[in-house]
Amino acid sequence: MTAVGGVGVAIRCDHLNEAEVRALAERVRAEFGGLDCLVNDIWGGERFSEWGKKAWELDLSKVRAMLEAGLWSHVVTARHLLPLLR
């Protein structure tokens, strides 16, 4: 982004941690005034996958963790960062 005239900033944020996402949104608002684009593309659930098992054999705690990593992180990010879109 920076190479073509924009501003690129790498910021570490755990998108399952609402306080971190809220702090990220506050920082973006304070430093940049908002967002031109939001790419809400988060995953991280692969570490909970149990390939080769039947659905009824899956460890439900791993399934829940996969849903949180793959879905809840998007909801939290959208909640705090979508309002910053210009």
PDB file of N, CA and C in Angstrom:
ATOM      1  N   MET A   1       0.827  -1.191   0.000  1.00  0.00           N
ATOM      2  CA  MET A   1       0.000   0.000   0.000  1.00  0.00           C
ATOM      3  C   MET A   1       0.873   1.258   0.000  1.00  0.00           C
ATOM      4  N   THR A   2       1.839   1.308   0.897  1.00  0.00           N
ATOM      5  CA  THR A   2       2.692   2.488   0.988  1.00  0.00           C
ATOM      6  C   THR A   2       3.450   2.719  -0.314  1.00  0.00           C
ATOM      7  N   ALA A   3       3.853   1.637  -0.979  1.00  0.00           N
ATOM      8  CA  ALA A   3       4.626   1.753  -2.215  1.00  0.00           C
ATOM      9  C   ALA A   3       3.855   2.458  -3.325  1.00  0.00           C
ATOM     10  N   VAL A   4       2.529   2.422  -3.266  1.00  0.00           N
ATOM     11  CA  VAL A   4       1.730   3.063  -4.312  1.00  0.00           C
ATOM     12  C   VAL A   4       1.071   4.349  -3.830  1.00  0.00           C
ATOM     13  N   GLY A   5       1.590   4.905  -2.737  1.00  0.00           N
ATOM     14  CA  GLY A   5       1.130   6.214  -2.292  1.00  0.00           C
ATOM     15  C   GLY A   5       0.164   6.216  -1.126  1.00  0.00           C
ATOM     16  N   GLY A   6      -0.252   5.050  -0.650  1.00  0.00           N
ATOM     17  CA  GLY A   6      -1.147   4.983   0.504  1.00  0.00           C
ATOM     18  C   GLY A   6      -0.358   4.881   1.795  1.00  0.00           C
ATOM     19  N   VAL A   7      -1.023   4.467   2.821  1.00  0.00           N
ATOM     20  CA  VAL A   7      -0.372   4.275   4.116  1.00  0.00           C
ATOM     21  C   VAL A   7      -0.615   2.844   4.550  1.00  0.00           C
ATOM     22  N   GLY A   8       0.453   2.115   4.792  1.00  0.00           N
ATOM     23  CA  GLY A   8       0.361   0.742   5.286  1.00  0.00           C
ATOM     24  C   GLY A   8       0.975   0.660   6.665  1.00  0.00           C
ATOM     25  N   VAL A   9       0.221   0.135   7.622  1.00  0.00           N
ATOM     26  CA  VAL A   9       0.702   0.011   8.996  1.00  0.00           C
ATOM     27  C   VAL A   9       0.352  -1.384   9.490  1.00  0.00           C
ATOM     28  N   ALA A  10       1.335  -2.128   9.949  1.00  0.00           N
ATOM     29  CA  ALA A  10       1.086  -3.457  10.516  1.00  0.00           C
ATOM     30  C   ALA A  10       0.822  -3.298  12.021  1.00  0.00           C
ATOM     31  N   ILE A  11      -0.303  -3.804  12.463  1.00  0.00           N
ATOM     32  CA  ILE A  11      -0.675  -3.719  13.876  1.00  0.00           C
ATOM     33  C   ILE A  11      -1.131  -5.103  14.318  1.00  0.00           C
ATOM     34  N   ARG A  12      -0.513  -5.645  15.342  1.00  0.00           N
ATOM     35  CA  ARG A  12      -0.892  -6.950  15.861  1.00  0.00           C
ATOM     36  C   ARG A  12      -2.178  -6.808  16.663  1.00  0.00           C
ATOM     37  N   CYS A  13      -3.133  -7.703  16.413  1.00  0.00           N
ATOM     38  CA  CYS A  13      -4.412  -7.655  17.121  1.00  0.00           C
ATOM     39  C   CYS A  13      -5.016  -9.049  17.154  1.00  0.00           C
ATOM     40  N   ASP A  14      -5.422  -9.510  18.317  1.00  0.00           N
ATOM     41  CA  ASP A  14      -6.141 -10.779  18.459  1.00  0.00           C
ATOM     42  C   ASP A  14      -7.621 -10.476  18.246  1.00  0.00           C
ATOM     43  N   HIS A  15      -8.172 -10.881  17.130  1.00  0.00           N
ATOM     44  CA  HIS A  15      -9.548 -10.531  16.781  1.00  0.00           C
ATOM     45  C   HIS A  15     -10.589 -11.309  17.562  1.00  0.00           C
ATOM     46  N   LEU A  16     -10.159 -12.219  18.431  1.00  0.00           N
ATOM     47  CA  LEU A  16     -11.067 -12.861  19.378  1.00  0.00           C
ATOM     48  C   LEU A  16     -11.138 -12.078  20.683  1.00  0.00           C
ATOM     49  N   ASN A  17     -10.251 -11.123  20.845  1.00  0.00           N
ATOM     50  CA  ASN A  17     -10.187 -10.312  22.065  1.00  0.00           C
ATOM     51  C   ASN A  17     -10.839  -8.963  21.770  1.00  0.00           C
ATOM     52  N   GLU A  18     -12.065  -8.785  22.247  1.00  0.00           N
ATOM     53  CA  GLU A  18     -12.808  -7.572  21.905  1.00  0.00           C
ATOM     54  C   GLU A  18     -12.097  -6.301  22.362  1.00  0.00           C
ATOM     55  N   ALA A  19     -11.441  -6.349  23.506  1.00  0.00           N
ATOM     56  CA  ALA A  19     -10.729  -5.162  23.991  1.00  0.00           C
ATOM     57  C   ALA A  19      -9.611  -4.768  23.019  1.00  0.00           C
ATOM     58  N   GLU A  20      -8.910  -5.745  22.460  1.00  0.00           N
ATOM     59  CA  GLU A  20      -7.849  -5.437  21.489  1.00  0.00           C
ATOM     60  C   GLU A  20      -8.423  -4.863  20.201  1.00  0.00           C
ATOM     61  N   VAL A  21      -9.552  -5.399  19.754  1.00  0.00           N
ATOM     62  CA  VAL A  21     -10.175  -4.893  18.523  1.00  0.00           C
ATOM     63  C   VAL A  21     -10.701  -3.479  18.752  1.00  0.00           C
ATOM     64  N   ARG A  22     -11.296  -3.240  19.924  1.00  0.00           N
ATOM     65  CA  ARG A  22     -11.774  -1.890  20.262  1.00  0.00           C
ATOM     66  C   ARG A  22     -10.600  -0.912  20.277  1.00  0.00           C
ATOM     67  N   ALA A  23      -9.486  -1.308  20.873  1.00  0.00           N
ATOM     68  CA  ALA A  23      -8.297  -0.447  20.912  1.00  0.00           C
ATOM     69  C   ALA A  23      -7.764  -0.192  19.505  1.00  0.00           C
ATOM     70  N   LEU A  24      -7.815  -1.212  18.650  1.00  0.00           N
ATOM     71  CA  LEU A  24      -7.400  -1.037  17.258  1.00  0.00           C
ATOM     72  C   LEU A  24      -8.281   0.000  16.571  1.00  0.00           C
ATOM     73  N   ALA A  25      -9.597  -0.103  16.758  1.00  0.00           N
ATOM     74  CA  ALA A  25     -10.519   0.852  16.146  1.00  0.00           C
ATOM     75  C   ALA A  25     -10.244   2.268  16.646  1.00  0.00           C
ATOM     76  N   GLU A  26     -10.002   2.408  17.926  1.00  0.00           N
ATOM     77  CA  GLU A  26      -9.708   3.729  18.486  1.00  0.00           C
ATOM     78  C   GLU A  26      -8.418   4.295  17.906  1.00  0.00           C
ATOM     79  N   ARG A  27      -7.421   3.429  17.745  1.00  0.00           N
ATOM     80  CA  ARG A  27      -6.152   3.879  17.170  1.00  0.00           C
ATOM     81  C   ARG A  27      -6.330   4.311  15.718  1.00  0.00           C
ATOM     82  N   VAL A  28      -7.063   3.523  14.952  1.00  0.00           N
ATOM     83  CA  VAL A  28      -7.307   3.864  13.545  1.00  0.00           C
ATOM     84  C   VAL A  28      -8.044   5.194  13.459  1.00  0.00           C
ATOM     85  N   ARG A  29      -9.054   5.376  14.296  1.00  0.00           N
ATOM     86  CA  ARG A  29      -9.818   6.630  14.281  1.00  0.00           C
ATOM     87  C   ARG A  29      -8.905   7.807  14.642  1.00  0.00           C
ATOM     88  N   ALA A  30      -8.106   7.641  15.676  1.00  0.00           N
ATOM     89  CA  ALA A  30      -7.245   8.732  16.145  1.00  0.00           C
ATOM     90  C   ALA A  30      -6.143   9.078  15.140  1.00  0.00           C
ATOM     91  N   GLU A  31      -5.517   8.055  14.561  1.00  0.00           N
ATOM     92  CA  GLU A  31      -4.366   8.286  13.694  1.00  0.00           C
ATOM     93  C   GLU A  31      -4.734   8.565  12.236  1.00  0.00           C
ATOM     94  N   PHE A  32      -5.862   7.995  11.770  1.00  0.00           N
ATOM     95  CA  PHE A  32      -6.183   8.082  10.346  1.00  0.00           C
ATOM     96  C   PHE A  32      -7.567   8.657  10.067  1.00  0.00           C
ATOM     97  N   GLY A  33      -8.374   8.803  11.086  1.00  0.00           N
ATOM     98  CA  GLY A  33      -9.709   9.355  10.897  1.00  0.00           C
ATOM     99  C   GLY A  33     -10.742   8.371  10.381  1.00  0.00           C
ATOM    100  N   GLY A  34     -10.329   7.196  10.006  1.00  0.00           N
ATOM    101  CA  GLY A  34     -11.257   6.181   9.519  1.00  0.00           C
ATOM    102  C   GLY A  34     -10.573   5.205   8.590  1.00  0.00           C
ATOM    103  N   LEU A  35     -11.385   4.384   7.945  1.00  0.00           N
ATOM    104  CA  LEU A  35     -10.900   3.365   7.019  1.00  0.00           C
ATOM    105  C   LEU A  35     -11.476   3.607   5.628  1.00  0.00           C
ATOM    106  N   ASP A  36     -10.679   3.356   4.615  1.00  0.00           N
ATOM    107  CA  ASP A  36     -11.167   3.379   3.239  1.00  0.00           C
ATOM    108  C   ASP A  36     -11.635   1.989   2.825  1.00  0.00           C
ATOM    109  N   CYS A  37     -11.084   0.963   3.456  1.00  0.00           N
ATOM    110  CA  CYS A  37     -11.380  -0.412   3.082  1.00  0.00           C
ATOM    111  C   CYS A  37     -11.186  -1.303   4.299  1.00  0.00           C
ATOM    112  N   LEU A  38     -12.051  -2.272   4.474  1.00  0.00           N
ATOM    113  CA  LEU A  38     -11.887  -3.262   5.544  1.00  0.00           C
ATOM    114  C   LEU A  38     -11.932  -4.642   4.907  1.00  0.00           C
ATOM    115  N   VAL A  39     -10.845  -5.384   5.033  1.00  0.00           N
ATOM    116  CA  VAL A  39     -10.798  -6.769   4.576  1.00  0.00           C
ATOM    117  C   VAL A  39     -10.891  -7.628   5.825  1.00  0.00           C
ATOM    118  N   ASN A  40     -12.083  -8.102   6.108  1.00  0.00           N
ATOM    119  CA  ASN A  40     -12.353  -8.883   7.312  1.00  0.00           C
ATOM    120  C   ASN A  40     -12.167 -10.352   6.966  1.00  0.00           C
ATOM    121  N   ASP A  41     -10.917 -10.774   6.860  1.00  0.00           N
ATOM    122  CA  ASP A  41     -10.569 -12.121   6.411  1.00  0.00           C
ATOM    123  C   ASP A  41      -9.694 -12.780   7.456  1.00  0.00           C
ATOM    124  N   ILE A  42     -10.351 -13.391   8.415  1.00  0.00           N
ATOM    125  CA  ILE A  42      -9.666 -13.984   9.563  1.00  0.00           C
ATOM    126  C   ILE A  42      -9.997 -15.466   9.595  1.00  0.00           C
ATOM    127  N   TRP A  43      -9.060 -16.277   9.976  1.00  0.00           N
ATOM    128  CA  TRP A  43      -9.348 -17.697  10.158  1.00  0.00           C
ATOM    129  C   TRP A  43      -8.628 -18.148  11.415  1.00  0.00           C
ATOM    130  N   GLY A  44      -7.841 -19.159  11.373  1.00  0.00           N
ATOM    131  CA  GLY A  44      -7.145 -19.646  12.553  1.00  0.00           C
ATOM    132  C   GLY A  44      -7.756 -20.904  13.139  1.00  0.00           C
ATOM    133  N   GLY A  45      -8.814 -21.409  12.536  1.00  0.00           N
ATOM    134  CA  GLY A  45      -9.476 -22.590  13.070  1.00  0.00           C
ATOM    135  C   GLY A  45      -8.852 -23.911  12.664  1.00  0.00           C
ATOM    136  N   GLU A  46      -7.902 -23.860  11.727  1.00  0.00           N
ATOM    137  CA  GLU A  46      -7.322 -25.120  11.241  1.00  0.00           C
ATOM    138  C   GLU A  46      -6.663 -25.940  12.349  1.00  0.00           C
ATOM    139  N   ARG A  47      -6.185 -25.304  13.384  1.00  0.00           N
ATOM    140  CA  ARG A  47      -5.532 -26.049  14.466  1.00  0.00           C
ATOM    141  C   ARG A  47      -6.538 -26.875  15.270  1.00  0.00           C
ATOM    142  N   PHE A  48      -7.827 -26.630  15.076  1.00  0.00           N
ATOM    143  CA  PHE A  48      -8.863 -27.378  15.782  1.00  0.00           C
ATOM    144  C   PHE A  48      -9.514 -28.449  14.910  1.00  0.00           C
ATOM    145  N   SER A  49      -9.133 -28.524  13.637  1.00  0.00           N
ATOM    146  CA  SER A  49      -9.731 -29.486  12.712  1.00  0.00           C
ATOM    147  C   SER A  49      -9.345 -30.904  13.094  1.00  0.00           C
ATOM    148  N   GLU A  50     -10.292 -31.808  12.967  1.00  0.00           N
ATOM    149  CA  GLU A  50     -10.044 -33.230  13.210  1.00  0.00           C
ATOM    150  C   GLU A  50     -10.464 -34.002  11.968  1.00  0.00           C
ATOM    151  N   TRP A  51      -9.642 -33.896  10.926  1.00  0.00           N
ATOM    152  CA  TRP A  51      -9.940 -34.525   9.648  1.00  0.00           C
ATOM    153  C   TRP A  51     -10.021 -36.034   9.813  1.00  0.00           C
ATOM    154  N   GLY A  52     -10.952 -36.648   9.104  1.00  0.00           N
ATOM    155  CA  GLY A  52     -11.075 -38.094   9.106  1.00  0.00           C
ATOM    156  C   GLY A  52     -12.025 -38.632  10.173  1.00  0.00           C
ATOM    157  N   LYS A  53     -12.489 -37.788  11.084  1.00  0.00           N
ATOM    158  CA  LYS A  53     -13.436 -38.227  12.112  1.00  0.00           C
ATOM    159  C   LYS A  53     -14.856 -37.993  11.628  1.00  0.00           C
ATOM    160  N   LYS A  54     -15.761 -38.852  12.076  1.00  0.00           N
ATOM    161  CA  LYS A  54     -17.174 -38.648  11.799  1.00  0.00           C
ATOM    162  C   LYS A  54     -17.679 -37.495  12.672  1.00  0.00           C
ATOM    163  N   ALA A  55     -18.733 -36.820  12.223  1.00  0.00           N
ATOM    164  CA  ALA A  55     -19.250 -35.643  12.938  1.00  0.00           C
ATOM    165  C   ALA A  55     -19.545 -35.959  14.402  1.00  0.00           C
ATOM    166  N   TRP A  56     -20.064 -37.125  14.691  1.00  0.00           N
ATOM    167  CA  TRP A  56     -20.428 -37.471  16.067  1.00  0.00           C
ATOM    168  C   TRP A  56     -19.225 -37.875  16.923  1.00  0.00           C
ATOM    169  N   GLU A  57     -18.057 -37.965  16.300  1.00  0.00           N
ATOM    170  CA  GLU A  57     -16.834 -38.286  17.041  1.00  0.00           C
ATOM    171  C   GLU A  57     -15.999 -37.046  17.365  1.00  0.00           C
ATOM    172  N   LEU A  58     -16.393 -35.897  16.823  1.00  0.00           N
ATOM    173  CA  LEU A  58     -15.598 -34.682  17.000  1.00  0.00           C
ATOM    174  C   LEU A  58     -15.613 -34.213  18.446  1.00  0.00           C
ATOM    175  N   ASP A  59     -14.519 -33.656  18.869  1.00  0.00           N
ATOM    176  CA  ASP A  59     -14.402 -33.032  20.185  1.00  0.00           C
ATOM    177  C   ASP A  59     -15.148 -31.701  20.124  1.00  0.00           C
ATOM    178  N   LEU A  60     -16.249 -31.597  20.845  1.00  0.00           N
ATOM    179  CA  LEU A  60     -17.087 -30.397  20.757  1.00  0.00           C
ATOM    180  C   LEU A  60     -16.365 -29.138  21.216  1.00  0.00           C
ATOM    181  N   SER A  61     -15.423 -29.254  22.117  1.00  0.00           N
ATOM    182  CA  SER A  61     -14.680 -28.055  22.528  1.00  0.00           C
ATOM    183  C   SER A  61     -13.834 -27.531  21.364  1.00  0.00           C
ATOM    184  N   LYS A  62     -13.322 -28.435  20.532  1.00  0.00           N
ATOM    185  CA  LYS A  62     -12.560 -28.008  19.353  1.00  0.00           C
ATOM    186  C   LYS A  62     -13.482 -27.403  18.304  1.00  0.00           C
ATOM    187  N   VAL A  63     -14.681 -27.962  18.144  1.00  0.00           N
ATOM    188  CA  VAL A  63     -15.639 -27.411  17.189  1.00  0.00           C
ATOM    189  C   VAL A  63     -16.037 -26.000  17.610  1.00  0.00           C
ATOM    190  N   ARG A  64     -16.298 -25.820  18.909  1.00  0.00           N
ATOM    191  CA  ARG A  64     -16.654 -24.484  19.411  1.00  0.00           C
ATOM    192  C   ARG A  64     -15.508 -23.500  19.184  1.00  0.00           C
ATOM    193  N   ALA A  65     -14.293 -23.924  19.466  1.00  0.00           N
ATOM    194  CA  ALA A  65     -13.129 -23.054  19.262  1.00  0.00           C
ATOM    195  C   ALA A  65     -12.978 -22.698  17.786  1.00  0.00           C
ATOM    196  N   MET A  66     -13.266 -23.658  16.886  1.00  0.00           N
ATOM    197  CA  MET A  66     -13.179 -23.388  15.450  1.00  0.00           C
ATOM    198  C   MET A  66     -14.236 -22.368  15.036  1.00  0.00           C
ATOM    199  N   LEU A  67     -15.441 -22.507  15.561  1.00  0.00           N
ATOM    200  CA  LEU A  67     -16.498 -21.543  15.247  1.00  0.00           C
ATOM    201  C   LEU A  67     -16.140 -20.153  15.757  1.00  0.00           C
ATOM    202  N   GLU A  68     -15.573 -20.085  16.942  1.00  0.00           N
ATOM    203  CA  GLU A  68     -15.172 -18.780  17.475  1.00  0.00           C
ATOM    204  C   GLU A  68     -14.076 -18.153  16.628  1.00  0.00           C
ATOM    205  N   ALA A  69     -13.084 -18.952  16.267  1.00  0.00           N
ATOM    206  CA  ALA A  69     -11.982 -18.417  15.464  1.00  0.00           C
ATOM    207  C   ALA A  69     -12.469 -18.004  14.081  1.00  0.00           C
ATOM    208  N   GLY A  70     -13.379 -18.785  13.514  1.00  0.00           N
ATOM    209  CA  GLY A  70     -13.793 -18.543  12.143  1.00  0.00           C
ATOM    210  C   GLY A  70     -14.986 -17.626  11.983  1.00  0.00           C
ATOM    211  N   LEU A  71     -15.817 -17.483  13.014  1.00  0.00           N
ATOM    212  CA  LEU A  71     -17.020 -16.670  12.879  1.00  0.00           C
ATOM    213  C   LEU A  71     -17.047 -15.506  13.864  1.00  0.00           C
ATOM    214  N   TRP A  72     -16.853 -15.802  15.130  1.00  0.00           N
ATOM    215  CA  TRP A  72     -16.944 -14.753  16.149  1.00  0.00           C
ATOM    216  C   TRP A  72     -15.925 -13.642  15.901  1.00  0.00           C
ATOM    217  N   SER A  73     -14.726 -13.991  15.463  1.00  0.00           N
ATOM    218  CA  SER A  73     -13.703 -12.979  15.187  1.00  0.00           C
ATOM    219  C   SER A  73     -14.184 -11.991  14.121  1.00  0.00           C
ATOM    220  N   HIS A  74     -14.948 -12.465  13.134  1.00  0.00           N
ATOM    221  CA  HIS A  74     -15.493 -11.585  12.097  1.00  0.00           C
ATOM    222  C   HIS A  74     -16.556 -10.653  12.673  1.00  0.00           C
ATOM    223  N   VAL A  75     -17.384 -11.187  13.551  1.00  0.00           N
ATOM    224  CA  VAL A  75     -18.447 -10.380  14.160  1.00  0.00           C
ATOM    225  C   VAL A  75     -17.840  -9.258  15.003  1.00  0.00           C
ATOM    226  N   VAL A  76     -16.854  -9.587  15.829  1.00  0.00           N
ATOM    227  CA  VAL A  76     -16.199  -8.587  16.687  1.00  0.00           C
ATOM    228  C   VAL A  76     -15.526  -7.522  15.830  1.00  0.00           C
ATOM    229  N   THR A  77     -14.823  -7.948  14.800  1.00  0.00           N
ATOM    230  CA  THR A  77     -14.127  -7.002  13.921  1.00  0.00           C
ATOM    231  C   THR A  77     -15.118  -6.086  13.208  1.00  0.00           C
ATOM    232  N   ALA A  78     -16.191  -6.663  12.683  1.00  0.00           N
ATOM    233  CA  ALA A  78     -17.208  -5.854  11.998  1.00  0.00           C
ATOM    234  C   ALA A  78     -17.829  -4.844  12.962  1.00  0.00           C
ATOM    235  N   ARG A  79     -18.136  -5.282  14.156  1.00  0.00           N
ATOM    236  CA  ARG A  79     -18.776  -4.405  15.156  1.00  0.00           C
ATOM    237  C   ARG A  79     -17.955  -3.153  15.411  1.00  0.00           C
ATOM    238  N   HIS A  80     -16.638  -3.297  15.507  1.00  0.00           N
ATOM    239  CA  HIS A  80     -15.797  -2.163  15.899  1.00  0.00           C
ATOM    240  C   HIS A  80     -15.170  -1.414  14.722  1.00  0.00           C
ATOM    241  N   LEU A  81     -15.003  -2.077  13.581  1.00  0.00           N
ATOM    242  CA  LEU A  81     -14.303  -1.411  12.479  1.00  0.00           C
ATOM    243  C   LEU A  81     -15.211  -0.953  11.338  1.00  0.00           C
ATOM    244  N   LEU A  82     -16.342  -1.598  11.128  1.00  0.00           N
ATOM    245  CA  LEU A  82     -17.245  -1.120  10.075  1.00  0.00           C
ATOM    246  C   LEU A  82     -17.671   0.327  10.265  1.00  0.00           C
ATOM    247  N   PRO A  83     -17.926   0.795  11.500  1.00  0.00           N
ATOM    248  CA  PRO A  83     -18.301   2.202  11.659  1.00  0.00           C
ATOM    249  C   PRO A  83     -17.235   3.203  11.210  1.00  0.00           C
ATOM    250  N   LEU A  84     -16.000   2.712  11.020  1.00  0.00           N
ATOM    251  CA  LEU A  84     -14.917   3.610  10.606  1.00  0.00           C
ATOM    252  C   LEU A  84     -14.808   3.764   9.098  1.00  0.00           C
ATOM    253  N   LEU A  85     -15.584   2.996   8.344  1.00  0.00           N
ATOM    254  CA  LEU A  85     -15.521   3.121   6.890  1.00  0.00           C
ATOM    255  C   LEU A  85     -16.038   4.475   6.450  1.00  0.00           C
ATOM    256  N   ARG A  86     -15.303   5.086   5.552  1.00  0.00           N
ATOM    257  CA  ARG A  86     -15.691   6.409   5.057  1.00  0.00           C
ATOM    258  C   ARG A  86     -16.601   6.288   3.864  1.00  0.00           C
TER     259      ARG A  86
END
